[in-house]
Each structure stands twice: as structure tokens, then as C-alpha cells.
Amino acid sequence: MEIELPKEKSPQKEQIKVTDKRIFTPEGEIREEFRKDIRPADPSIRKPEPPPPEEPAAKPPEERRTHAEGPPPGGERRRTLADKAQNPGTAFANFLEPLIAQAYMSLGMLRNPYQPKITVDAAAAREMIEILTMLQEKTAGNLTPDEEDFLTTHLGELKLAFVQRTKSL
């Protein structure tokens, strides 16, 4: 006796259909099938912008000024040299910090972790000072007051230290 088993169906190729359901064309226009459902927003209807955060009243007015307003009438912002030399934490200041450190190391004012004794490399220090000076010239007018103070303070200190260190060589 022979039992016949049902024949397995031959695997059929399933067709996959890809439908583009994006609302916009590559040119940025609304696709034809969505035009009846979507209309551009009315520019007069906008979400109200949240009010700016309140500044503490204890801050002196010279610290509340924006970069566009420039220094307060009557001159420089009143900050100590140590405050001006502090890294403001911006990307540009973070970029400058290792360059400044390298210049201080070349002048022997910072210990180089890769050399056992402190050495003065006047040529390397001069080059780093020139690079920092060039960056100061190229970014003039485009830095925040804190960035400008940071760069100017360190550059002045480096130039002074360079003159003092190279006089004795």
C-alpha cells in the first residue's frame, strides 16, 4: 500500500512592491498625491516664543552686554587679569589652549611631560607666538569678548616672557 502525500507547493517568488510615501520630492515640492491633504502653514500663525531667561540683578551691567554691543562706554570691561586668562569654554578657546600651552612649554614656563628637565626652545616659542598672533589677526571682530580677552591676555604674557627669556640667551 502506497500513501500519497500532498505535494508541496513550489516556492513562488513573492513580488515586493516599493512605494515612496515621502511627502516631498527631491526638489522640496509637495508630491501630487499629498497636495489635497497638506497645505503650507500660514506664516501669521506661529507658536509664541518663550520669554528670554531673566538675568540676575546682581550682575554688573558690563557683563550683561552682548558681543554686538561692544565694550561699555568709557572703555574696557573691568575684569582682573586672572579672569581674562580663564578659558571661557568655547570651541575656539579650547582650540587655542593647547597652542598656548605649547608656547609656555617652549619658553620653559610649563613642564613638558615628555622631557625630564625644563628647556627653552626660543625658535619653537617664536613660531607658536606667531601662529597665535596670526589667529588673533584673522579672527579680529569675530570673537566673543571672553575669547578675545583669553587670546589677548595669553599672547601678551607670552610675548613678554619671550623677550625676558631670550635676553639672557
N, C-alpha and C. Protein backbone atom coordinates (compact mmCIF):
# COMPACT_ATOMS: atom_id res chain seq x y z
N MET A 1 0.80 -1.15 0.00
CA MET A 1 0.00 0.00 0.00
C MET A 1 0.87 1.25 0.00
N GLU A 2 0.52 2.06 -0.85
CA GLU A 2 1.28 3.28 -1.02
C GLU A 2 0.43 4.48 -0.63
N ILE A 3 1.03 5.34 0.20
CA ILE A 3 0.28 6.53 0.62
C ILE A 3 0.86 7.72 -0.14
N GLU A 4 -0.03 8.44 -0.68
CA GLU A 4 0.42 9.64 -1.39
C GLU A 4 0.32 10.84 -0.47
N LEU A 5 1.41 11.50 -0.38
CA LEU A 5 1.43 12.72 0.41
C LEU A 5 1.12 13.90 -0.50
N PRO A 6 0.48 14.89 0.09
CA PRO A 6 0.20 16.05 -0.76
C PRO A 6 1.52 16.69 -1.21
N LYS A 7 1.52 17.08 -2.42
CA LYS A 7 2.73 17.68 -2.97
C LYS A 7 2.91 19.08 -2.39
N GLU A 8 4.17 19.34 -2.07
CA GLU A 8 4.46 20.69 -1.56
C GLU A 8 4.34 21.67 -2.70
N LYS A 9 3.85 22.80 -2.33
CA LYS A 9 3.73 23.84 -3.35
C LYS A 9 5.12 24.34 -3.71
N SER A 10 5.33 24.56 -4.92
CA SER A 10 6.63 25.09 -5.33
C SER A 10 6.74 26.53 -4.83
N PRO A 11 7.90 26.85 -4.35
CA PRO A 11 8.04 28.21 -3.81
C PRO A 11 7.83 29.24 -4.92
N GLN A 12 6.91 30.10 -4.67
CA GLN A 12 6.65 31.15 -5.64
C GLN A 12 7.44 32.38 -5.22
N LYS A 13 7.87 33.06 -6.18
CA LYS A 13 8.60 34.29 -5.88
C LYS A 13 7.58 35.36 -5.48
N GLU A 14 7.79 35.84 -4.27
CA GLU A 14 6.91 36.91 -3.84
C GLU A 14 7.44 38.21 -4.42
N GLN A 15 6.57 38.96 -4.95
CA GLN A 15 6.98 40.24 -5.51
C GLN A 15 6.88 41.30 -4.42
N ILE A 16 7.91 42.07 -4.36
CA ILE A 16 7.93 43.15 -3.40
C ILE A 16 7.68 44.44 -4.16
N LYS A 17 6.75 45.18 -3.65
CA LYS A 17 6.43 46.45 -4.28
C LYS A 17 6.89 47.56 -3.33
N VAL A 18 7.67 48.46 -3.85
CA VAL A 18 8.17 49.58 -3.05
C VAL A 18 7.36 50.82 -3.42
N THR A 19 6.80 51.42 -2.40
CA THR A 19 6.01 52.63 -2.61
C THR A 19 6.67 53.78 -1.85
N ASP A 20 6.93 54.85 -2.57
CA ASP A 20 7.54 56.02 -1.95
C ASP A 20 6.44 56.80 -1.25
N LYS A 21 6.52 56.85 0.08
CA LYS A 21 5.48 57.54 0.84
C LYS A 21 5.99 58.86 1.42
N ARG A 22 7.09 59.33 0.88
CA ARG A 22 7.59 60.62 1.34
C ARG A 22 6.68 61.73 0.83
N ILE A 23 6.56 62.76 1.64
CA ILE A 23 5.65 63.85 1.30
C ILE A 23 6.27 64.78 0.26
N PHE A 24 7.58 64.94 0.30
CA PHE A 24 8.23 65.90 -0.57
C PHE A 24 9.05 65.21 -1.66
N THR A 25 9.16 65.86 -2.80
CA THR A 25 10.00 65.39 -3.90
C THR A 25 11.45 65.74 -3.58
N PRO A 26 12.41 65.19 -4.34
CA PRO A 26 13.81 65.57 -4.10
C PRO A 26 14.06 67.08 -4.27
N GLU A 27 13.20 67.75 -5.01
CA GLU A 27 13.35 69.19 -5.21
C GLU A 27 12.74 69.99 -4.06
N GLY A 28 12.02 69.33 -3.14
CA GLY A 28 11.44 70.01 -1.99
C GLY A 28 9.98 70.39 -2.18
N GLU A 29 9.38 70.00 -3.29
CA GLU A 29 7.97 70.31 -3.54
C GLU A 29 7.09 69.23 -2.92
N ILE A 30 5.83 69.56 -2.63
CA ILE A 30 4.89 68.58 -2.09
C ILE A 30 4.45 67.69 -3.24
N ARG A 31 4.48 66.35 -3.01
CA ARG A 31 4.06 65.41 -4.05
C ARG A 31 2.58 65.59 -4.36
N GLU A 32 2.22 65.29 -5.60
CA GLU A 32 0.86 65.49 -6.09
C GLU A 32 -0.19 64.78 -5.23
N GLU A 33 0.08 63.54 -4.80
CA GLU A 33 -0.91 62.78 -4.03
C GLU A 33 -1.15 63.35 -2.63
N PHE A 34 -0.26 64.24 -2.15
CA PHE A 34 -0.42 64.82 -0.82
C PHE A 34 -0.91 66.26 -0.86
N ARG A 35 -1.03 66.84 -2.04
CA ARG A 35 -1.40 68.26 -2.14
C ARG A 35 -2.76 68.56 -1.54
N LYS A 36 -3.71 67.64 -1.66
CA LYS A 36 -5.04 67.92 -1.11
C LYS A 36 -5.06 67.82 0.42
N ASP A 37 -4.13 67.05 0.99
CA ASP A 37 -4.10 66.84 2.43
C ASP A 37 -3.23 67.86 3.17
N ILE A 38 -2.20 68.36 2.53
CA ILE A 38 -1.23 69.22 3.20
C ILE A 38 -1.18 70.56 2.51
N ARG A 39 -1.28 71.59 3.33
CA ARG A 39 -1.16 72.96 2.82
C ARG A 39 -0.04 73.65 3.60
N PRO A 40 0.68 74.54 2.96
CA PRO A 40 1.73 75.25 3.68
C PRO A 40 1.13 75.99 4.88
N ALA A 41 1.93 76.11 5.93
CA ALA A 41 1.47 76.79 7.14
C ALA A 41 1.32 78.27 6.89
N ASP A 42 0.35 78.85 7.56
CA ASP A 42 0.14 80.29 7.47
C ASP A 42 1.24 80.96 8.29
N PRO A 43 2.07 81.81 7.66
CA PRO A 43 3.18 82.41 8.40
C PRO A 43 2.72 83.29 9.56
N SER A 44 1.47 83.75 9.53
CA SER A 44 1.00 84.61 10.62
C SER A 44 0.69 83.80 11.88
N ILE A 45 0.51 82.45 11.72
CA ILE A 45 0.24 81.60 12.87
C ILE A 45 1.56 80.99 13.31
N ARG A 46 2.04 81.40 14.44
CA ARG A 46 3.30 80.89 14.96
C ARG A 46 3.13 80.61 16.43
N LYS A 47 3.94 79.69 16.91
CA LYS A 47 3.97 79.44 18.34
C LYS A 47 4.61 80.65 19.01
N PRO A 48 4.09 81.06 20.13
CA PRO A 48 4.74 82.18 20.81
C PRO A 48 6.11 81.74 21.33
N GLU A 49 7.08 82.61 21.14
CA GLU A 49 8.43 82.29 21.59
C GLU A 49 8.49 82.46 23.10
N PRO A 50 9.21 81.56 23.77
CA PRO A 50 9.30 81.70 25.22
C PRO A 50 10.08 82.96 25.58
N PRO A 51 9.73 83.60 26.69
CA PRO A 51 10.45 84.82 27.05
C PRO A 51 11.90 84.49 27.40
N PRO A 52 12.81 85.43 27.15
CA PRO A 52 14.21 85.17 27.46
C PRO A 52 14.38 84.98 28.97
N PRO A 53 15.35 84.16 29.37
CA PRO A 53 15.54 83.94 30.80
C PRO A 53 15.96 85.24 31.48
N GLU A 54 15.46 85.41 32.68
CA GLU A 54 15.78 86.63 33.42
C GLU A 54 17.21 86.57 33.92
N GLU A 55 17.90 87.70 33.81
CA GLU A 55 19.27 87.77 34.29
C GLU A 55 19.25 88.20 35.75
N PRO A 56 20.14 87.66 36.56
CA PRO A 56 20.19 88.11 37.95
C PRO A 56 20.54 89.59 38.02
N ALA A 57 19.90 90.28 38.92
CA ALA A 57 20.11 91.72 39.05
C ALA A 57 21.48 92.04 39.63
N ALA A 58 22.14 91.06 40.25
CA ALA A 58 23.42 91.31 40.90
C ALA A 58 24.57 91.48 39.92
N LYS A 59 24.37 91.03 38.65
CA LYS A 59 25.45 91.14 37.67
C LYS A 59 25.67 92.59 37.29
N PRO A 60 26.92 93.04 37.24
CA PRO A 60 27.19 94.39 36.78
C PRO A 60 26.81 94.54 35.31
N PRO A 61 26.41 95.73 34.89
CA PRO A 61 25.96 95.92 33.51
C PRO A 61 27.00 95.58 32.47
N GLU A 62 28.29 95.73 32.76
CA GLU A 62 29.30 95.45 31.75
C GLU A 62 29.38 93.97 31.41
N GLU A 63 28.94 93.07 32.30
CA GLU A 63 28.97 91.65 32.00
C GLU A 63 27.73 91.18 31.26
N ARG A 64 26.68 92.03 31.24
CA ARG A 64 25.45 91.65 30.54
C ARG A 64 25.46 92.07 29.09
N ARG A 65 26.43 92.80 28.68
CA ARG A 65 26.49 93.26 27.30
C ARG A 65 26.77 92.11 26.35
N THR A 66 26.21 92.21 25.15
CA THR A 66 26.47 91.17 24.15
C THR A 66 27.67 91.57 23.32
N HIS A 67 28.14 90.64 22.52
CA HIS A 67 29.31 90.87 21.67
C HIS A 67 29.02 92.01 20.68
N ALA A 68 27.79 92.07 20.17
CA ALA A 68 27.46 93.07 19.16
C ALA A 68 27.48 94.48 19.76
N GLU A 69 27.20 94.62 21.04
CA GLU A 69 27.17 95.94 21.65
C GLU A 69 28.57 96.50 21.89
N GLY A 70 29.56 95.62 21.96
CA GLY A 70 30.92 96.06 22.17
C GLY A 70 31.18 96.40 23.62
N PRO A 71 32.34 97.00 23.89
CA PRO A 71 32.67 97.33 25.27
C PRO A 71 31.76 98.42 25.81
N PRO A 72 31.62 98.54 27.11
CA PRO A 72 30.77 99.57 27.67
C PRO A 72 31.35 100.95 27.42
N PRO A 73 30.51 101.97 27.45
CA PRO A 73 31.05 103.31 27.23
C PRO A 73 32.08 103.62 28.30
N GLY A 74 33.17 104.19 27.85
CA GLY A 74 34.21 104.54 28.81
C GLY A 74 35.35 103.54 28.84
N GLY A 75 35.31 102.48 27.98
CA GLY A 75 36.48 101.63 27.89
C GLY A 75 36.25 100.16 28.15
N GLU A 76 37.33 99.53 28.61
CA GLU A 76 37.40 98.09 28.80
C GLU A 76 36.42 97.58 29.84
N ARG A 77 36.10 96.29 29.72
CA ARG A 77 35.33 95.63 30.78
C ARG A 77 36.24 95.52 31.98
N ARG A 78 35.69 95.68 33.15
CA ARG A 78 36.51 95.64 34.36
C ARG A 78 36.62 94.20 34.84
N ARG A 79 37.73 93.57 34.50
CA ARG A 79 37.99 92.19 34.92
C ARG A 79 39.46 92.09 35.29
N THR A 80 39.75 91.19 36.18
CA THR A 80 41.15 91.00 36.57
C THR A 80 41.88 90.23 35.47
N LEU A 81 43.18 90.26 35.53
CA LEU A 81 44.00 89.55 34.57
C LEU A 81 43.73 88.05 34.64
N ALA A 82 43.56 87.54 35.85
CA ALA A 82 43.27 86.10 36.02
C ALA A 82 41.93 85.73 35.39
N ASP A 83 40.94 86.63 35.49
CA ASP A 83 39.64 86.37 34.87
C ASP A 83 39.76 86.35 33.35
N LYS A 84 40.54 87.27 32.82
CA LYS A 84 40.71 87.34 31.37
C LYS A 84 41.47 86.13 30.83
N ALA A 85 42.38 85.60 31.64
CA ALA A 85 43.18 84.46 31.21
C ALA A 85 42.43 83.14 31.33
N GLN A 86 41.28 83.15 31.97
CA GLN A 86 40.48 81.94 32.15
C GLN A 86 39.85 81.51 30.83
N ASN A 87 39.92 80.21 30.53
CA ASN A 87 39.32 79.69 29.30
C ASN A 87 37.80 79.81 29.40
N PRO A 88 37.15 80.52 28.44
CA PRO A 88 35.70 80.67 28.50
C PRO A 88 34.94 79.39 28.14
N GLY A 89 35.65 78.37 27.68
CA GLY A 89 35.00 77.10 27.39
C GLY A 89 34.36 77.00 26.02
N THR A 90 34.66 77.92 25.12
CA THR A 90 34.12 77.84 23.76
C THR A 90 35.02 76.95 22.91
N ALA A 91 34.52 76.55 21.78
CA ALA A 91 35.29 75.67 20.90
C ALA A 91 36.58 76.34 20.44
N PHE A 92 36.51 77.62 20.14
CA PHE A 92 37.71 78.33 19.68
C PHE A 92 38.74 78.42 20.81
N ALA A 93 38.30 78.73 22.01
CA ALA A 93 39.22 78.81 23.15
C ALA A 93 39.82 77.44 23.45
N ASN A 94 39.03 76.39 23.31
CA ASN A 94 39.55 75.03 23.51
C ASN A 94 40.57 74.67 22.44
N PHE A 95 40.40 75.22 21.25
CA PHE A 95 41.38 75.02 20.17
C PHE A 95 42.68 75.76 20.49
N LEU A 96 42.56 76.95 21.05
CA LEU A 96 43.74 77.76 21.36
C LEU A 96 44.55 77.22 22.54
N GLU A 97 43.88 76.62 23.50
CA GLU A 97 44.53 76.23 24.75
C GLU A 97 45.78 75.37 24.56
N PRO A 98 45.75 74.30 23.74
CA PRO A 98 46.99 73.53 23.56
C PRO A 98 48.10 74.32 22.86
N LEU A 99 47.73 75.23 21.97
CA LEU A 99 48.74 76.06 21.30
C LEU A 99 49.42 76.98 22.32
N ILE A 100 48.62 77.55 23.21
CA ILE A 100 49.16 78.41 24.25
C ILE A 100 50.05 77.59 25.19
N ALA A 101 49.59 76.41 25.56
CA ALA A 101 50.38 75.55 26.45
C ALA A 101 51.70 75.18 25.80
N GLN A 102 51.69 74.90 24.52
CA GLN A 102 52.92 74.55 23.81
C GLN A 102 53.90 75.72 23.83
N ALA A 103 53.38 76.93 23.66
CA ALA A 103 54.25 78.11 23.69
C ALA A 103 54.85 78.28 25.09
N TYR A 104 54.04 78.11 26.13
CA TYR A 104 54.57 78.20 27.51
C TYR A 104 55.61 77.11 27.77
N MET A 105 55.39 75.91 27.24
CA MET A 105 56.37 74.83 27.41
C MET A 105 57.67 75.17 26.69
N SER A 106 57.56 75.75 25.50
CA SER A 106 58.76 76.11 24.74
C SER A 106 59.57 77.19 25.45
N LEU A 107 58.90 78.02 26.23
CA LEU A 107 59.60 79.07 26.98
C LEU A 107 60.08 78.57 28.34
N GLY A 108 59.77 77.33 28.66
CA GLY A 108 60.20 76.77 29.94
C GLY A 108 59.33 77.20 31.11
N MET A 109 58.16 77.73 30.83
CA MET A 109 57.27 78.20 31.90
C MET A 109 56.29 77.10 32.34
N LEU A 110 56.17 76.07 31.54
CA LEU A 110 55.35 74.91 31.86
C LEU A 110 56.21 73.68 31.66
N ARG A 111 56.04 72.69 32.50
CA ARG A 111 56.83 71.47 32.36
C ARG A 111 56.28 70.63 31.22
N ASN A 112 57.16 70.23 30.32
CA ASN A 112 56.78 69.34 29.23
C ASN A 112 56.77 67.92 29.77
N PRO A 113 55.65 67.22 29.71
CA PRO A 113 55.59 65.88 30.29
C PRO A 113 56.49 64.87 29.58
N TYR A 114 56.97 65.20 28.40
CA TYR A 114 57.80 64.26 27.64
C TYR A 114 59.30 64.50 27.81
N GLN A 115 59.67 65.56 28.53
CA GLN A 115 61.08 65.85 28.76
C GLN A 115 61.34 65.91 30.26
N PRO A 116 62.40 65.26 30.72
CA PRO A 116 62.66 65.23 32.15
C PRO A 116 63.05 66.60 32.73
N LYS A 117 63.77 67.42 31.96
CA LYS A 117 64.16 68.71 32.50
C LYS A 117 63.57 69.83 31.65
N ILE A 118 63.46 70.98 32.27
CA ILE A 118 62.88 72.14 31.59
C ILE A 118 63.91 72.73 30.64
N THR A 119 63.51 72.93 29.40
CA THR A 119 64.40 73.53 28.41
C THR A 119 63.67 74.69 27.74
N VAL A 120 64.43 75.64 27.23
CA VAL A 120 63.87 76.78 26.50
C VAL A 120 64.20 76.59 25.02
N ASP A 121 63.17 76.56 24.21
CA ASP A 121 63.33 76.45 22.76
C ASP A 121 62.76 77.73 22.16
N ALA A 122 63.63 78.73 21.99
CA ALA A 122 63.19 80.05 21.54
C ALA A 122 62.55 80.00 20.15
N ALA A 123 63.08 79.18 19.27
CA ALA A 123 62.54 79.11 17.91
C ALA A 123 61.11 78.56 17.93
N ALA A 124 60.87 77.51 18.70
CA ALA A 124 59.53 76.93 18.79
C ALA A 124 58.57 77.92 19.45
N ALA A 125 59.05 78.62 20.48
CA ALA A 125 58.20 79.61 21.17
C ALA A 125 57.84 80.74 20.21
N ARG A 126 58.83 81.22 19.45
CA ARG A 126 58.56 82.30 18.49
C ARG A 126 57.51 81.86 17.47
N GLU A 127 57.64 80.64 16.98
CA GLU A 127 56.70 80.14 15.99
C GLU A 127 55.27 80.05 16.55
N MET A 128 55.13 79.55 17.78
CA MET A 128 53.81 79.45 18.40
C MET A 128 53.22 80.84 18.63
N ILE A 129 54.06 81.79 19.05
CA ILE A 129 53.58 83.17 19.25
C ILE A 129 53.13 83.76 17.93
N GLU A 130 53.87 83.49 16.85
CA GLU A 130 53.48 83.99 15.53
C GLU A 130 52.16 83.36 15.06
N ILE A 131 51.99 82.08 15.33
CA ILE A 131 50.73 81.40 14.97
C ILE A 131 49.56 82.01 15.74
N LEU A 132 49.75 82.22 17.04
CA LEU A 132 48.68 82.82 17.85
C LEU A 132 48.39 84.25 17.41
N THR A 133 49.43 85.00 17.04
CA THR A 133 49.24 86.37 16.55
C THR A 133 48.46 86.36 15.24
N MET A 134 48.81 85.43 14.35
CA MET A 134 48.09 85.32 13.09
C MET A 134 46.61 84.99 13.34
N LEU A 135 46.35 84.06 14.26
CA LEU A 135 44.97 83.71 14.58
C LEU A 135 44.22 84.92 15.15
N GLN A 136 44.90 85.72 15.96
CA GLN A 136 44.28 86.91 16.52
C GLN A 136 43.91 87.89 15.40
N GLU A 137 44.82 88.06 14.44
CA GLU A 137 44.55 88.99 13.33
C GLU A 137 43.42 88.47 12.44
N LYS A 138 43.42 87.18 12.16
CA LYS A 138 42.42 86.61 11.25
C LYS A 138 41.03 86.55 11.86
N THR A 139 40.96 86.50 13.19
CA THR A 139 39.65 86.40 13.84
C THR A 139 39.20 87.73 14.43
N ALA A 140 39.91 88.80 14.14
CA ALA A 140 39.57 90.12 14.70
C ALA A 140 38.13 90.48 14.34
N GLY A 141 37.37 90.85 15.36
CA GLY A 141 35.98 91.24 15.16
C GLY A 141 35.00 90.08 15.16
N ASN A 142 35.49 88.86 15.21
CA ASN A 142 34.61 87.69 15.16
C ASN A 142 34.60 86.89 16.46
N LEU A 143 35.30 87.35 17.46
CA LEU A 143 35.38 86.62 18.72
C LEU A 143 34.46 87.25 19.76
N THR A 144 34.05 86.44 20.70
CA THR A 144 33.30 86.98 21.83
C THR A 144 34.28 87.77 22.69
N PRO A 145 33.80 88.67 23.53
CA PRO A 145 34.73 89.41 24.40
C PRO A 145 35.57 88.48 25.27
N ASP A 146 34.99 87.40 25.77
CA ASP A 146 35.74 86.47 26.60
C ASP A 146 36.84 85.76 25.81
N GLU A 147 36.53 85.36 24.57
CA GLU A 147 37.55 84.72 23.73
C GLU A 147 38.67 85.69 23.41
N GLU A 148 38.28 86.92 23.10
CA GLU A 148 39.28 87.94 22.78
C GLU A 148 40.18 88.22 23.98
N ASP A 149 39.59 88.33 25.18
CA ASP A 149 40.37 88.53 26.40
C ASP A 149 41.33 87.37 26.63
N PHE A 150 40.83 86.15 26.44
CA PHE A 150 41.62 84.95 26.65
C PHE A 150 42.85 84.96 25.75
N LEU A 151 42.64 85.20 24.47
CA LEU A 151 43.74 85.19 23.50
C LEU A 151 44.69 86.36 23.74
N THR A 152 44.16 87.55 23.91
CA THR A 152 44.99 88.73 24.09
C THR A 152 45.85 88.64 25.35
N THR A 153 45.26 88.19 26.44
CA THR A 153 45.99 88.07 27.71
C THR A 153 47.15 87.10 27.58
N HIS A 154 46.87 85.91 27.06
CA HIS A 154 47.94 84.92 26.95
C HIS A 154 49.00 85.33 25.93
N LEU A 155 48.57 85.95 24.85
CA LEU A 155 49.53 86.38 23.84
C LEU A 155 50.45 87.47 24.41
N GLY A 156 49.89 88.39 25.18
CA GLY A 156 50.71 89.43 25.82
C GLY A 156 51.71 88.83 26.80
N GLU A 157 51.23 87.87 27.60
CA GLU A 157 52.12 87.21 28.56
C GLU A 157 53.23 86.45 27.85
N LEU A 158 52.89 85.78 26.76
CA LEU A 158 53.89 85.01 26.01
C LEU A 158 54.93 85.92 25.37
N LYS A 159 54.50 87.04 24.81
CA LYS A 159 55.44 87.96 24.18
C LYS A 159 56.40 88.54 25.22
N LEU A 160 55.85 88.92 26.36
CA LEU A 160 56.68 89.47 27.43
C LEU A 160 57.68 88.42 27.93
N ALA A 161 57.21 87.21 28.15
CA ALA A 161 58.08 86.13 28.62
C ALA A 161 59.14 85.80 27.57
N PHE A 162 58.78 85.86 26.30
CA PHE A 162 59.74 85.57 25.23
C PHE A 162 60.88 86.58 25.27
N VAL A 163 60.54 87.86 25.39
CA VAL A 163 61.57 88.89 25.45
C VAL A 163 62.47 88.70 26.66
N GLN A 164 61.85 88.43 27.81
CA GLN A 164 62.64 88.25 29.04
C GLN A 164 63.54 87.01 28.93
N ARG A 165 63.04 85.93 28.39
CA ARG A 165 63.83 84.68 28.32
C ARG A 165 64.93 84.76 27.28
N THR A 166 64.67 85.44 26.17
CA THR A 166 65.70 85.47 25.11
C THR A 166 66.78 86.51 25.36
N LYS A 167 66.52 87.47 26.26
CA LYS A 167 67.57 88.43 26.61
C LYS A 167 68.74 87.73 27.28
N SER A 168 68.45 86.73 28.08
CA SER A 168 69.50 86.04 28.84
C SER A 168 70.21 84.96 28.02
N LEU A 169 69.72 84.67 26.81
CA LEU A 169 70.37 83.61 26.00
C LEU A 169 71.54 84.14 25.22
